[in-house]
Amino acid sequence: MQTYSVDPGWRVVLRDLRVEVAAVLRRAGLPPDLFGRGDARLTAEQFYTLWAALEQEYQDDTARDVALAVARTVTAEAFAPPIFAGLCSPTLTVAAHRIATYKRLLYPVTLAVAGAPELRIAIGSRAPFEPPPVLVRFELLFWVAFARLGTREDVRPMRLVLPEAPPDPDGLAAFIGDGRWVVGPRPEIEFTALDARRPFVTANDAMWQVFEPELRRRLTALDVDASWADRVHAALLTALPAGRRSLGDVADDLHVSRRSLQRWLAAEGYSFSDVLDRTRERLARHYLTSTGLSDTEIAFLIGYEELTSFHRAFRSWTGHTPGVVRSGHAAIGDQPEDEVLPA
């Protein structure tokens, strides 16, 4: 499965927010030395849980929304290479397209860039895992801070669409200007044509030429280096909720023969049923901890026709009942060790 590097900037951000690192990691069920590991990586669920834990631990009367507080700390020095490369762009529109291309190197969210001459950036999920609202808010507010950093102008978005009402609407209105935000089903931010094409004072085409080949190589490596177990796992994440769970279904999705797929999985030490069970467990944990779906609905979504079969399988995978995991008594840290992977 795809995992995401733990940005060293996390430690700096938590210090600036005066949030205890150990408390956030403990609440998220992640290793206490996570930010000290140079090779640590997180799954999408762990990444989302880390943000949710930060929101729960953050306490500051001057800025009640941690997403807003983090957006206010955005600086060029704290950016990972794909974002820093975006600052080398000539305009916000060019930067948005570049960052959207390389976003999956960093975060388990997607960006859809559209609009002309205005600029509209929509936040999406890497289905079926939905990012928590706090992360969506930060992703949207990041673009305000990023535009101001690149142009050195007080850029204000035309419109901001959030998945739910923010915890600090006054603070949000003050940050984006004029209170132009609404709640809607498709989180997105929109900038005027003027701001979309306003020149970046940080533009540096020579620097972009240095960054771009390495970013493209890393993006290509994500697909080329993927194991067959990972490819099957990714295919099942989409296929299972659609009621497609057989070896033949997945082989068709991957455009290979069933016999070849079985042989390639065996060469990696897996069987199709191994990967199927691992994927079902991952989806079940997500649905139990992040949605209000009933056990019966979850059983159906991961391919079980009988509730008892789901309960029996879930206990064999985790050692817990679905109810225990749903109530939070089984921590995320109870997941298998290989859920936090080296680079």
C-alpha atoms as a PDB file:
ATOM      1  CA  MET A   1       0.000   0.000   0.000  1.00  0.00           C
ATOM      2  CA  GLN A   2       1.142   3.559  -0.538  1.00  0.00           C
ATOM      3  CA  THR A   3       2.586   5.238   2.518  1.00  0.00           C
ATOM      4  CA  TYR A   4       3.681   8.804   3.154  1.00  0.00           C
ATOM      5  CA  SER A   5       6.893  10.177   4.620  1.00  0.00           C
ATOM      6  CA  VAL A   6       6.712  11.812   8.034  1.00  0.00           C
ATOM      7  CA  ASP A   7       7.747  15.391   7.344  1.00  0.00           C
ATOM      8  CA  PRO A   8      10.431  16.650   9.787  1.00  0.00           C
ATOM      9  CA  GLY A   9       8.447  19.895   9.875  1.00  0.00           C
ATOM     10  CA  TRP A  10       5.900  18.249  12.179  1.00  0.00           C
ATOM     11  CA  ARG A  11       8.181  18.682  15.166  1.00  0.00           C
ATOM     12  CA  VAL A  12       8.664  22.392  14.380  1.00  0.00           C
ATOM     13  CA  VAL A  13       4.946  22.972  13.895  1.00  0.00           C
ATOM     14  CA  LEU A  14       4.057  21.302  17.194  1.00  0.00           C
ATOM     15  CA  ARG A  15       6.671  23.366  19.004  1.00  0.00           C
ATOM     16  CA  ASP A  16       5.331  26.588  17.468  1.00  0.00           C
ATOM     17  CA  LEU A  17       1.818  25.590  18.538  1.00  0.00           C
ATOM     18  CA  ARG A  18       3.044  24.718  22.045  1.00  0.00           C
ATOM     19  CA  VAL A  19       1.596  21.234  21.733  1.00  0.00           C
ATOM     20  CA  GLU A  20       3.276  18.311  23.471  1.00  0.00           C
ATOM     21  CA  VAL A  21       4.656  15.905  20.868  1.00  0.00           C
ATOM     22  CA  ALA A  22       4.338  12.843  23.109  1.00  0.00           C
ATOM     23  CA  ALA A  23       0.674  13.595  23.838  1.00  0.00           C
ATOM     24  CA  VAL A  24      -0.230  13.869  20.148  1.00  0.00           C
ATOM     25  CA  LEU A  25       1.545  10.637  19.217  1.00  0.00           C
ATOM     26  CA  ARG A  26       0.080   8.803  22.189  1.00  0.00           C
ATOM     27  CA  ARG A  27      -3.462   9.912  21.288  1.00  0.00           C
ATOM     28  CA  ALA A  28      -2.875   8.854  17.662  1.00  0.00           C
ATOM     29  CA  GLY A  29      -1.587   5.447  18.733  1.00  0.00           C
ATOM     30  CA  LEU A  30       1.727   6.041  16.951  1.00  0.00           C
ATOM     31  CA  PRO A  31       5.292   5.247  18.131  1.00  0.00           C
ATOM     32  CA  PRO A  32       6.650   7.845  20.593  1.00  0.00           C
ATOM     33  CA  ASP A  33       9.852   8.241  18.545  1.00  0.00           C
ATOM     34  CA  LEU A  34       8.052   8.659  15.214  1.00  0.00           C
ATOM     35  CA  PHE A  35       9.351  12.152  14.450  1.00  0.00           C
ATOM     36  CA  GLY A  36      12.894  11.045  15.223  1.00  0.00           C
ATOM     37  CA  ARG A  37      12.850   8.254  12.649  1.00  0.00           C
ATOM     38  CA  GLY A  38      14.369   9.335   9.381  1.00  0.00           C
ATOM     39  CA  ASP A  39      12.658   6.522   7.472  1.00  0.00           C
ATOM     40  CA  ALA A  40       9.202   6.536   9.093  1.00  0.00           C
ATOM     41  CA  ARG A  41       6.149   6.412   6.868  1.00  0.00           C
ATOM     42  CA  LEU A  42       2.410   6.449   7.592  1.00  0.00           C
ATOM     43  CA  THR A  43      -0.626   4.937   5.940  1.00  0.00           C
ATOM     44  CA  ALA A  44      -3.459   7.244   4.921  1.00  0.00           C
ATOM     45  CA  GLU A  45      -5.439   6.280   8.026  1.00  0.00           C
ATOM     46  CA  GLN A  46      -2.520   6.963  10.331  1.00  0.00           C
ATOM     47  CA  PHE A  47      -1.889  10.280   8.622  1.00  0.00           C
ATOM     48  CA  TYR A  48      -5.504  11.294   9.175  1.00  0.00           C
ATOM     49  CA  THR A  49      -5.422  10.065  12.773  1.00  0.00           C
ATOM     50  CA  LEU A  50      -2.340  12.182  13.437  1.00  0.00           C
ATOM     51  CA  TRP A  51      -4.218  15.308  12.339  1.00  0.00           C
ATOM     52  CA  ALA A  52      -7.268  14.362  14.395  1.00  0.00           C
ATOM     53  CA  ALA A  53      -5.031  13.834  17.447  1.00  0.00           C
ATOM     54  CA  LEU A  54      -3.409  17.238  16.933  1.00  0.00           C
ATOM     55  CA  GLU A  55      -6.828  18.871  16.830  1.00  0.00           C
ATOM     56  CA  GLN A  56      -7.833  17.180  20.090  1.00  0.00           C
ATOM     57  CA  GLU A  57      -4.616  18.123  21.875  1.00  0.00           C
ATOM     58  CA  TYR A  58      -4.502  21.725  20.674  1.00  0.00           C
ATOM     59  CA  GLN A  59      -5.714  24.281  23.211  1.00  0.00           C
ATOM     60  CA  ASP A  60      -5.285  27.992  22.515  1.00  0.00           C
ATOM     61  CA  ASP A  61      -7.869  30.683  23.181  1.00  0.00           C
ATOM     62  CA  THR A  62      -6.250  33.022  20.637  1.00  0.00           C
ATOM     63  CA  ALA A  63      -6.847  30.611  17.745  1.00  0.00           C
ATOM     64  CA  ARG A  64      -9.368  27.885  18.498  1.00  0.00           C
ATOM     65  CA  ASP A  65      -8.925  26.173  15.122  1.00  0.00           C
ATOM     66  CA  VAL A  66      -5.627  24.296  14.837  1.00  0.00           C
ATOM     67  CA  ALA A  67      -5.932  24.234  11.031  1.00  0.00           C
ATOM     68  CA  LEU A  68      -5.959  28.021  11.060  1.00  0.00           C
ATOM     69  CA  ALA A  69      -3.057  28.123  13.510  1.00  0.00           C
ATOM     70  CA  VAL A  70      -0.945  25.843  11.318  1.00  0.00           C
ATOM     71  CA  ALA A  71      -1.787  27.892   8.205  1.00  0.00           C
ATOM     72  CA  ARG A  72      -0.467  30.978   9.975  1.00  0.00           C
ATOM     73  CA  THR A  73       2.895  29.251  10.464  1.00  0.00           C
ATOM     74  CA  VAL A  74       3.434  28.523   6.765  1.00  0.00           C
ATOM     75  CA  THR A  75       6.919  29.591   5.667  1.00  0.00           C
ATOM     76  CA  ALA A  76       9.166  28.662   2.763  1.00  0.00           C
ATOM     77  CA  GLU A  77      11.666  27.080   5.142  1.00  0.00           C
ATOM     78  CA  ALA A  78       9.117  24.542   6.370  1.00  0.00           C
ATOM     79  CA  PHE A  79       8.129  23.273   2.911  1.00  0.00           C
ATOM     80  CA  ALA A  80       8.914  19.852   1.512  1.00  0.00           C
ATOM     81  CA  PRO A  81      10.606  19.913  -1.923  1.00  0.00           C
ATOM     82  CA  PRO A  82       7.417  19.609  -4.042  1.00  0.00           C
ATOM     83  CA  ILE A  83       5.858  22.597  -2.266  1.00  0.00           C
ATOM     84  CA  PHE A  84       9.049  24.631  -2.308  1.00  0.00           C
ATOM     85  CA  ALA A  85       9.302  23.907  -6.028  1.00  0.00           C
ATOM     86  CA  GLY A  86       5.827  25.387  -6.370  1.00  0.00           C
ATOM     87  CA  LEU A  87       7.155  28.696  -5.087  1.00  0.00           C
ATOM     88  CA  CYS A  88       9.494  28.737  -8.083  1.00  0.00           C
ATOM     89  CA  SER A  89       6.444  29.030 -10.357  1.00  0.00           C
ATOM     90  CA  PRO A  90       5.624  32.269 -12.209  1.00  0.00           C
ATOM     91  CA  THR A  91       2.014  32.443 -10.923  1.00  0.00           C
ATOM     92  CA  LEU A  92      -0.412  30.822  -8.496  1.00  0.00           C
ATOM     93  CA  THR A  93      -2.140  28.972 -11.340  1.00  0.00           C
ATOM     94  CA  VAL A  94       1.089  27.362 -12.524  1.00  0.00           C
ATOM     95  CA  ALA A  95       2.044  26.517  -8.946  1.00  0.00           C
ATOM     96  CA  ALA A  96      -1.336  24.860  -8.319  1.00  0.00           C
ATOM     97  CA  HIS A  97      -1.000  22.623 -11.367  1.00  0.00           C
ATOM     98  CA  ARG A  98       2.550  21.655 -10.439  1.00  0.00           C
ATOM     99  CA  ILE A  99       1.738  20.879  -6.820  1.00  0.00           C
ATOM    100  CA  ALA A 100      -1.384  18.923  -7.828  1.00  0.00           C
ATOM    101  CA  THR A 101       0.795  16.685  -9.983  1.00  0.00           C
ATOM    102  CA  TYR A 102       3.210  15.843  -7.186  1.00  0.00           C
ATOM    103  CA  LYS A 103       0.805  15.979  -4.234  1.00  0.00           C
ATOM    104  CA  ARG A 104       0.636  12.232  -3.778  1.00  0.00           C
ATOM    105  CA  LEU A 105       4.304  12.209  -2.861  1.00  0.00           C
ATOM    106  CA  LEU A 106       3.318  14.035   0.325  1.00  0.00           C
ATOM    107  CA  TYR A 107      -0.312  13.651   1.396  1.00  0.00           C
ATOM    108  CA  PRO A 108      -3.136  11.113   0.980  1.00  0.00           C
ATOM    109  CA  VAL A 109      -5.355  13.768  -0.605  1.00  0.00           C
ATOM    110  CA  THR A 110      -5.835  14.868  -4.198  1.00  0.00           C
ATOM    111  CA  LEU A 111      -6.088  18.303  -5.797  1.00  0.00           C
ATOM    112  CA  ALA A 112      -8.309  19.103  -8.772  1.00  0.00           C
ATOM    113  CA  VAL A 113      -7.278  22.373 -10.417  1.00  0.00           C
ATOM    114  CA  ALA A 114      -9.718  24.072 -12.767  1.00  0.00           C
ATOM    115  CA  GLY A 115     -11.146  27.398 -13.848  1.00  0.00           C
ATOM    116  CA  ALA A 116     -10.058  30.065 -16.300  1.00  0.00           C
ATOM    117  CA  PRO A 117      -9.351  32.876 -15.940  1.00  0.00           C
ATOM    118  CA  GLU A 118     -10.221  32.321 -12.247  1.00  0.00           C
ATOM    119  CA  LEU A 119      -8.519  29.543 -10.292  1.00  0.00           C
ATOM    120  CA  ARG A 120     -10.422  26.833  -8.426  1.00  0.00           C
ATOM    121  CA  ILE A 121      -8.683  24.175  -6.322  1.00  0.00           C
ATOM    122  CA  ALA A 122     -10.785  21.289  -4.968  1.00  0.00           C
ATOM    123  CA  ILE A 123      -9.672  18.859  -2.255  1.00  0.00           C
ATOM    124  CA  GLY A 124     -10.425  15.175  -2.807  1.00  0.00           C
ATOM    125  CA  SER A 125      -9.764  11.899  -1.025  1.00  0.00           C
ATOM    126  CA  ARG A 126      -7.880   8.813  -2.038  1.00  0.00           C
ATOM    127  CA  ALA A 127     -11.037   6.715  -1.795  1.00  0.00           C
ATOM    128  CA  PRO A 128     -12.381   5.080   0.246  1.00  0.00           C
ATOM    129  CA  PHE A 129     -10.580   6.915   3.063  1.00  0.00           C
ATOM    130  CA  GLU A 130     -11.918  10.410   3.756  1.00  0.00           C
ATOM    131  CA  PRO A 131      -9.613  13.020   5.331  1.00  0.00           C
ATOM    132  CA  PRO A 132     -10.863  14.583   8.589  1.00  0.00           C
ATOM    133  CA  PRO A 133     -12.377  18.080   8.326  1.00  0.00           C
ATOM    134  CA  VAL A 134      -9.413  19.606  10.203  1.00  0.00           C
ATOM    135  CA  LEU A 135      -7.023  18.439   7.480  1.00  0.00           C
ATOM    136  CA  VAL A 136      -9.348  19.652   4.718  1.00  0.00           C
ATOM    137  CA  ARG A 137      -9.517  23.085   6.360  1.00  0.00           C
ATOM    138  CA  PHE A 138      -5.747  23.296   6.528  1.00  0.00           C
ATOM    139  CA  GLU A 139      -5.358  22.155   2.921  1.00  0.00           C
ATOM    140  CA  LEU A 140      -7.656  24.979   1.808  1.00  0.00           C
ATOM    141  CA  LEU A 141      -6.177  27.646   4.080  1.00  0.00           C
ATOM    142  CA  PHE A 142      -2.692  26.600   2.994  1.00  0.00           C
ATOM    143  CA  TRP A 143      -3.423  28.044  -0.443  1.00  0.00           C
ATOM    144  CA  VAL A 144      -4.205  31.454   1.047  1.00  0.00           C
ATOM    145  CA  ALA A 145      -0.924  31.485   2.975  1.00  0.00           C
ATOM    146  CA  PHE A 146       0.969  30.084  -0.019  1.00  0.00           C
ATOM    147  CA  ALA A 147      -0.422  32.727  -2.403  1.00  0.00           C
ATOM    148  CA  ARG A 148       0.538  35.508   0.004  1.00  0.00           C
ATOM    149  CA  LEU A 149       4.003  34.066   0.435  1.00  0.00           C
ATOM    150  CA  GLY A 150       4.597  33.832  -3.298  1.00  0.00           C
ATOM    151  CA  THR A 151       3.168  37.222  -4.277  1.00  0.00           C
ATOM    152  CA  ARG A 152       3.861  39.188  -1.087  1.00  0.00           C
ATOM    153  CA  GLU A 153       0.331  40.558  -1.492  1.00  0.00           C
ATOM    154  CA  ASP A 154      -2.738  40.276   0.755  1.00  0.00           C
ATOM    155  CA  VAL A 155      -4.413  37.703  -1.497  1.00  0.00           C
ATOM    156  CA  ARG A 156      -7.996  36.948  -0.482  1.00  0.00           C
ATOM    157  CA  PRO A 157      -9.976  34.070  -1.941  1.00  0.00           C
ATOM    158  CA  MET A 158     -13.275  34.728  -3.709  1.00  0.00           C
ATOM    159  CA  ARG A 159     -14.894  31.733  -2.041  1.00  0.00           C
ATOM    160  CA  LEU A 160     -14.057  28.954   0.379  1.00  0.00           C
ATOM    161  CA  VAL A 161     -16.203  25.804   0.641  1.00  0.00           C
ATOM    162  CA  LEU A 162     -15.705  23.740   3.810  1.00  0.00           C
ATOM    163  CA  PRO A 163     -17.031  20.250   4.639  1.00  0.00           C
ATOM    164  CA  GLU A 164     -18.508  21.553   7.887  1.00  0.00           C
ATOM    165  CA  ALA A 165     -18.677  24.770   9.922  1.00  0.00           C
ATOM    166  CA  PRO A 166     -15.264  25.694  11.385  1.00  0.00           C
ATOM    167  CA  PRO A 167     -14.695  25.857  15.153  1.00  0.00           C
ATOM    168  CA  ASP A 168     -13.522  29.481  14.880  1.00  0.00           C
ATOM    169  CA  PRO A 169     -15.588  31.260  12.201  1.00  0.00           C
ATOM    170  CA  ASP A 170     -14.462  34.724  13.301  1.00  0.00           C
ATOM    171  CA  GLY A 171     -10.813  33.750  13.105  1.00  0.00           C
ATOM    172  CA  LEU A 172     -11.373  32.154   9.705  1.00  0.00           C
ATOM    173  CA  ALA A 173     -13.147  35.252   8.381  1.00  0.00           C
ATOM    174  CA  ALA A 174     -10.321  37.484   9.605  1.00  0.00           C
ATOM    175  CA  PHE A 175      -7.720  35.261   7.932  1.00  0.00           C
ATOM    176  CA  ILE A 176      -9.347  34.996   4.501  1.00  0.00           C
ATOM    177  CA  GLY A 177     -10.965  38.450   4.543  1.00  0.00           C
ATOM    178  CA  ASP A 178     -14.630  39.451   4.234  1.00  0.00           C
ATOM    179  CA  GLY A 179     -15.943  36.166   5.667  1.00  0.00           C
ATOM    180  CA  ARG A 180     -16.457  34.559   2.272  1.00  0.00           C
ATOM    181  CA  TRP A 181     -16.906  30.938   3.257  1.00  0.00           C
ATOM    182  CA  VAL A 182     -19.773  28.425   3.005  1.00  0.00           C
ATOM    183  CA  VAL A 183     -20.395  24.774   3.862  1.00  0.00           C
ATOM    184  CA  GLY A 184     -20.767  22.402   0.935  1.00  0.00           C
ATOM    185  CA  PRO A 185     -20.191  18.831  -0.248  1.00  0.00           C
ATOM    186  CA  ARG A 186     -17.111  19.620  -2.382  1.00  0.00           C
ATOM    187  CA  PRO A 187     -14.320  21.348  -0.420  1.00  0.00           C
ATOM    188  CA  GLU A 188     -12.646  23.935  -2.629  1.00  0.00           C
ATOM    189  CA  ILE A 189     -11.128  27.388  -2.771  1.00  0.00           C
ATOM    190  CA  GLU A 190     -11.475  29.910  -5.572  1.00  0.00           C
ATOM    191  CA  PHE A 191      -9.281  32.891  -6.449  1.00  0.00           C
ATOM    192  CA  THR A 192      -9.958  35.808  -8.781  1.00  0.00           C
ATOM    193  CA  ALA A 193      -8.411  35.955 -12.236  1.00  0.00           C
ATOM    194  CA  LEU A 194      -6.173  38.771 -11.026  1.00  0.00           C
ATOM    195  CA  ASP A 195      -4.793  36.758  -8.118  1.00  0.00           C
ATOM    196  CA  ALA A 196      -4.538  33.604 -10.232  1.00  0.00           C
ATOM    197  CA  ARG A 197      -2.133  35.303 -12.636  1.00  0.00           C
ATOM    198  CA  ARG A 198      -0.457  37.697 -10.193  1.00  0.00           C
ATOM    199  CA  PRO A 199       3.345  37.239 -10.557  1.00  0.00           C
ATOM    200  CA  PHE A 200       5.216  35.343  -7.859  1.00  0.00           C
ATOM    201  CA  VAL A 201       8.176  37.312  -6.548  1.00  0.00           C
ATOM    202  CA  THR A 202       9.685  33.931  -5.658  1.00  0.00           C
ATOM    203  CA  ALA A 203       9.603  32.735  -9.295  1.00  0.00           C
ATOM    204  CA  ASN A 204      12.809  30.955 -10.251  1.00  0.00           C
ATOM    205  CA  ASP A 205      12.713  28.866 -13.418  1.00  0.00           C
ATOM    206  CA  ALA A 206      16.325  27.751 -13.015  1.00  0.00           C
ATOM    207  CA  MET A 207      15.503  26.295  -9.593  1.00  0.00           C
ATOM    208  CA  TRP A 208      12.402  24.578 -10.998  1.00  0.00           C
ATOM    209  CA  GLN A 209      14.564  22.912 -13.643  1.00  0.00           C
ATOM    210  CA  VAL A 210      16.650  21.482 -10.793  1.00  0.00           C
ATOM    211  CA  PHE A 211      13.647  20.213  -8.796  1.00  0.00           C
ATOM    212  CA  GLU A 212      11.433  18.887 -11.588  1.00  0.00           C
ATOM    213  CA  PRO A 213      13.474  15.867 -12.828  1.00  0.00           C
ATOM    214  CA  GLU A 214      13.823  14.428  -9.312  1.00  0.00           C
ATOM    215  CA  LEU A 215      10.138  14.973  -8.521  1.00  0.00           C
ATOM    216  CA  ARG A 216       9.151  13.249 -11.754  1.00  0.00           C
ATOM    217  CA  ARG A 217      11.498  10.352 -10.972  1.00  0.00           C
ATOM    218  CA  ARG A 218       9.979   9.925  -7.498  1.00  0.00           C
ATOM    219  CA  LEU A 219       6.454   9.990  -8.904  1.00  0.00           C
ATOM    220  CA  THR A 220       7.280   7.375 -11.527  1.00  0.00           C
ATOM    221  CA  ALA A 221       8.948   5.205  -8.884  1.00  0.00           C
ATOM    222  CA  LEU A 222       5.697   5.043  -6.902  1.00  0.00           C
ATOM    223  CA  ASP A 223       4.107   3.038  -9.706  1.00  0.00           C
ATOM    224  CA  VAL A 224       7.105   1.187 -11.128  1.00  0.00           C
ATOM    225  CA  ASP A 225       8.368  -0.028  -7.748  1.00  0.00           C
ATOM    226  CA  ALA A 226       4.965  -1.108  -6.445  1.00  0.00           C
ATOM    227  CA  SER A 227       4.823  -4.794  -5.549  1.00  0.00           C
ATOM    228  CA  TRP A 228       2.056  -6.971  -6.924  1.00  0.00           C
ATOM    229  CA  ALA A 229       0.678  -7.323  -3.408  1.00  0.00           C
ATOM    230  CA  ASP A 230       0.416  -3.529  -3.212  1.00  0.00           C
ATOM    231  CA  ARG A 231      -1.233  -3.344  -6.634  1.00  0.00           C
ATOM    232  CA  VAL A 232      -3.793  -5.967  -5.650  1.00  0.00           C
ATOM    233  CA  HIS A 233      -4.390  -4.174  -2.349  1.00  0.00           C
ATOM    234  CA  ALA A 234      -4.988  -0.862  -4.152  1.00  0.00           C
ATOM    235  CA  ALA A 235      -7.349  -2.505  -6.635  1.00  0.00           C
ATOM    236  CA  LEU A 236      -9.335  -4.149  -3.832  1.00  0.00           C
ATOM    237  CA  LEU A 237      -9.818  -0.849  -1.999  1.00  0.00           C
ATOM    238  CA  THR A 238     -11.997   0.219  -4.912  1.00  0.00           C
ATOM    239  CA  ALA A 239     -13.376  -3.157  -5.928  1.00  0.00           C
ATOM    240  CA  LEU A 240     -14.633  -4.402  -2.540  1.00  0.00           C
ATOM    241  CA  PRO A 241     -17.153  -1.600  -1.851  1.00  0.00           C
ATOM    242  CA  ALA A 242     -18.440  -2.175  -5.402  1.00  0.00           C
ATOM    243  CA  GLY A 243     -19.106  -5.846  -4.667  1.00  0.00           C
ATOM    244  CA  ARG A 244     -16.180  -7.186  -6.673  1.00  0.00           C
ATOM    245  CA  ARG A 245     -13.846  -9.368  -4.632  1.00  0.00           C
ATOM    246  CA  SER A 246     -12.694 -12.361  -6.676  1.00  0.00           C
ATOM    247  CA  LEU A 247      -9.258 -13.056  -8.094  1.00  0.00           C
ATOM    248  CA  GLY A 248     -10.763 -12.755 -11.544  1.00  0.00           C
ATOM    249  CA  ASP A 249     -12.218  -9.333 -10.785  1.00  0.00           C
ATOM    250  CA  VAL A 250      -8.858  -7.986  -9.639  1.00  0.00           C
ATOM    251  CA  ALA A 251      -6.925  -9.618 -12.479  1.00  0.00           C
ATOM    252  CA  ASP A 252      -9.276  -7.928 -14.938  1.00  0.00           C
ATOM    253  CA  ASP A 253      -8.769  -4.563 -13.220  1.00  0.00           C
ATOM    254  CA  LEU A 254      -4.991  -4.966 -13.434  1.00  0.00           C
ATOM    255  CA  HIS A 255      -5.153  -6.247 -17.034  1.00  0.00           C
ATOM    256  CA  VAL A 256      -3.305  -9.491 -16.284  1.00  0.00           C
ATOM    257  CA  SER A 257      -4.279 -13.159 -16.319  1.00  0.00           C
ATOM    258  CA  ARG A 258      -5.394 -14.905 -13.140  1.00  0.00           C
ATOM    259  CA  ARG A 259      -2.599 -17.455 -13.410  1.00  0.00           C
ATOM    260  CA  SER A 260       0.069 -14.767 -13.816  1.00  0.00           C
ATOM    261  CA  LEU A 261      -1.286 -12.752 -10.892  1.00  0.00           C
ATOM    262  CA  GLN A 262      -1.260 -15.804  -8.620  1.00  0.00           C
ATOM    263  CA  ARG A 263       2.310 -16.621  -9.686  1.00  0.00           C
ATOM    264  CA  TRP A 264       3.585 -13.079  -9.095  1.00  0.00           C
ATOM    265  CA  LEU A 265       1.932 -12.884  -5.672  1.00  0.00           C
ATOM    266  CA  ALA A 266       3.418 -16.256  -4.707  1.00  0.00           C
ATOM    267  CA  ALA A 267       6.880 -15.015  -5.713  1.00  0.00           C
ATOM    268  CA  GLU A 268       6.432 -12.195  -3.171  1.00  0.00           C
ATOM    269  CA  GLY A 269       5.302 -14.635  -0.468  1.00  0.00           C
ATOM    270  CA  TYR A 270       1.581 -13.854  -0.642  1.00  0.00           C
ATOM    271  CA  SER A 271      -1.614 -15.490  -1.764  1.00  0.00           C
ATOM    272  CA  PHE A 272      -4.622 -13.600  -3.065  1.00  0.00           C
ATOM    273  CA  SER A 273      -6.548 -14.496   0.103  1.00  0.00           C
ATOM    274  CA  ASP A 274      -3.731 -12.999   2.239  1.00  0.00           C
ATOM    275  CA  VAL A 275      -4.049  -9.648   0.496  1.00  0.00           C
ATOM    276  CA  LEU A 276      -7.841  -9.843   0.500  1.00  0.00           C
ATOM    277  CA  ASP A 277      -7.942 -10.367   4.269  1.00  0.00           C
ATOM    278  CA  ARG A 278      -5.454  -7.551   4.894  1.00  0.00           C
ATOM    279  CA  THR A 279      -7.510  -5.168   2.752  1.00  0.00           C
ATOM    280  CA  ARG A 280     -10.767  -6.174   4.395  1.00  0.00           C
ATOM    281  CA  GLU A 281      -9.281  -5.540   7.826  1.00  0.00           C
ATOM    282  CA  ARG A 282      -7.995  -2.115   6.779  1.00  0.00           C
ATOM    283  CA  LEU A 283     -11.372  -1.109   5.370  1.00  0.00           C
ATOM    284  CA  ALA A 284     -13.263  -2.496   8.353  1.00  0.00           C
ATOM    285  CA  ARG A 285     -11.101  -0.534  10.817  1.00  0.00           C
ATOM    286  CA  HIS A 286     -11.652   2.621   8.796  1.00  0.00           C
ATOM    287  CA  TYR A 287     -15.417   2.201   8.644  1.00  0.00           C
ATOM    288  CA  LEU A 288     -15.637   1.342  12.359  1.00  0.00           C
ATOM    289  CA  THR A 289     -13.584   4.309  13.570  1.00  0.00           C
ATOM    290  CA  SER A 290     -14.449   6.976  10.998  1.00  0.00           C
ATOM    291  CA  THR A 291     -18.070   6.429   9.991  1.00  0.00           C
ATOM    292  CA  GLY A 292     -21.454   5.723  11.518  1.00  0.00           C
ATOM    293  CA  LEU A 293     -22.051   2.622   9.413  1.00  0.00           C
ATOM    294  CA  SER A 294     -23.557  -0.376  11.157  1.00  0.00           C
ATOM    295  CA  ASP A 295     -21.735  -3.706  11.406  1.00  0.00           C
ATOM    296  CA  THR A 296     -24.147  -5.132   8.833  1.00  0.00           C
ATOM    297  CA  GLU A 297     -23.382  -2.350   6.369  1.00  0.00           C
ATOM    298  CA  ILE A 298     -19.638  -2.744   6.907  1.00  0.00           C
ATOM    299  CA  ALA A 299     -19.863  -6.497   6.398  1.00  0.00           C
ATOM    300  CA  PHE A 300     -21.591  -5.904   3.064  1.00  0.00           C
ATOM    301  CA  LEU A 301     -19.064  -3.269   1.941  1.00  0.00           C
ATOM    302  CA  ILE A 302     -16.088  -5.562   2.505  1.00  0.00           C
ATOM    303  CA  GLY A 303     -17.717  -8.558   0.866  1.00  0.00           C
ATOM    304  CA  TYR A 304     -19.443 -10.611   3.556  1.00  0.00           C
ATOM    305  CA  GLU A 305     -23.025 -11.720   3.053  1.00  0.00           C
ATOM    306  CA  GLU A 306     -23.477 -12.780   6.684  1.00  0.00           C
ATOM    307  CA  LEU A 307     -22.786 -10.643   9.749  1.00  0.00           C
ATOM    308  CA  THR A 308     -21.533 -13.629  11.752  1.00  0.00           C
ATOM    309  CA  SER A 309     -18.897 -14.342   9.092  1.00  0.00           C
ATOM    310  CA  PHE A 310     -17.653 -10.762   9.339  1.00  0.00           C
ATOM    311  CA  HIS A 311     -17.517 -10.870  13.152  1.00  0.00           C
ATOM    312  CA  ARG A 312     -15.616 -14.155  13.114  1.00  0.00           C
ATOM    313  CA  ALA A 313     -13.118 -12.907  10.519  1.00  0.00           C
ATOM    314  CA  PHE A 314     -12.582  -9.590  12.280  1.00  0.00           C
ATOM    315  CA  ARG A 315     -11.742 -11.282  15.567  1.00  0.00           C
ATOM    316  CA  SER A 316      -9.273 -13.577  13.781  1.00  0.00           C
ATOM    317  CA  TRP A 317      -7.540 -10.531  12.213  1.00  0.00           C
ATOM    318  CA  THR A 318      -7.402  -8.254  15.233  1.00  0.00           C
ATOM    319  CA  GLY A 319      -8.125 -10.251  18.375  1.00  0.00           C
ATOM    320  CA  HIS A 320     -11.001  -7.818  19.061  1.00  0.00           C
ATOM    321  CA  THR A 321     -14.678  -7.574  18.267  1.00  0.00           C
ATOM    322  CA  PRO A 322     -15.851  -4.763  15.963  1.00  0.00           C
ATOM    323  CA  GLY A 323     -17.575  -3.162  18.940  1.00  0.00           C
ATOM    324  CA  VAL A 324     -14.321  -2.842  20.889  1.00  0.00           C
ATOM    325  CA  VAL A 325     -12.567  -1.177  17.961  1.00  0.00           C
ATOM    326  CA  ARG A 326     -15.531   1.095  17.304  1.00  0.00           C
ATOM    327  CA  SER A 327     -15.529   2.307  20.899  1.00  0.00           C
ATOM    328  CA  GLY A 328     -11.838   3.129  20.738  1.00  0.00           C
ATOM    329  CA  HIS A 329     -10.716   0.568  23.300  1.00  0.00           C
ATOM    330  CA  ALA A 330      -8.398  -0.990  20.713  1.00  0.00           C
ATOM    331  CA  ALA A 331      -5.884   1.698  19.810  1.00  0.00           C
ATOM    332  CA  ILE A 332      -4.610   2.381  16.330  1.00  0.00           C
ATOM    333  CA  GLY A 333      -1.269   1.295  17.656  1.00  0.00           C
ATOM    334  CA  ASP A 334      -2.709  -2.245  17.862  1.00  0.00           C
ATOM    335  CA  GLN A 335      -2.451  -2.485  14.094  1.00  0.00           C
ATOM    336  CA  PRO A 336       0.273  -4.733  12.673  1.00  0.00           C
ATOM    337  CA  GLU A 337       3.813  -3.381  12.906  1.00  0.00           C
ATOM    338  CA  ASP A 338       4.183  -3.192   9.126  1.00  0.00           C
ATOM    339  CA  GLU A 339       1.560  -0.438   9.032  1.00  0.00           C
ATOM    340  CA  VAL A 340       4.422   2.016   9.748  1.00  0.00           C
ATOM    341  CA  LEU A 341       6.908   1.223   7.032  1.00  0.00           C
ATOM    342  CA  PRO A 342      10.508   2.227   6.338  1.00  0.00           C
ATOM    343  CA  ALA A 343      11.256   4.173   3.195  1.00  0.00           C
END
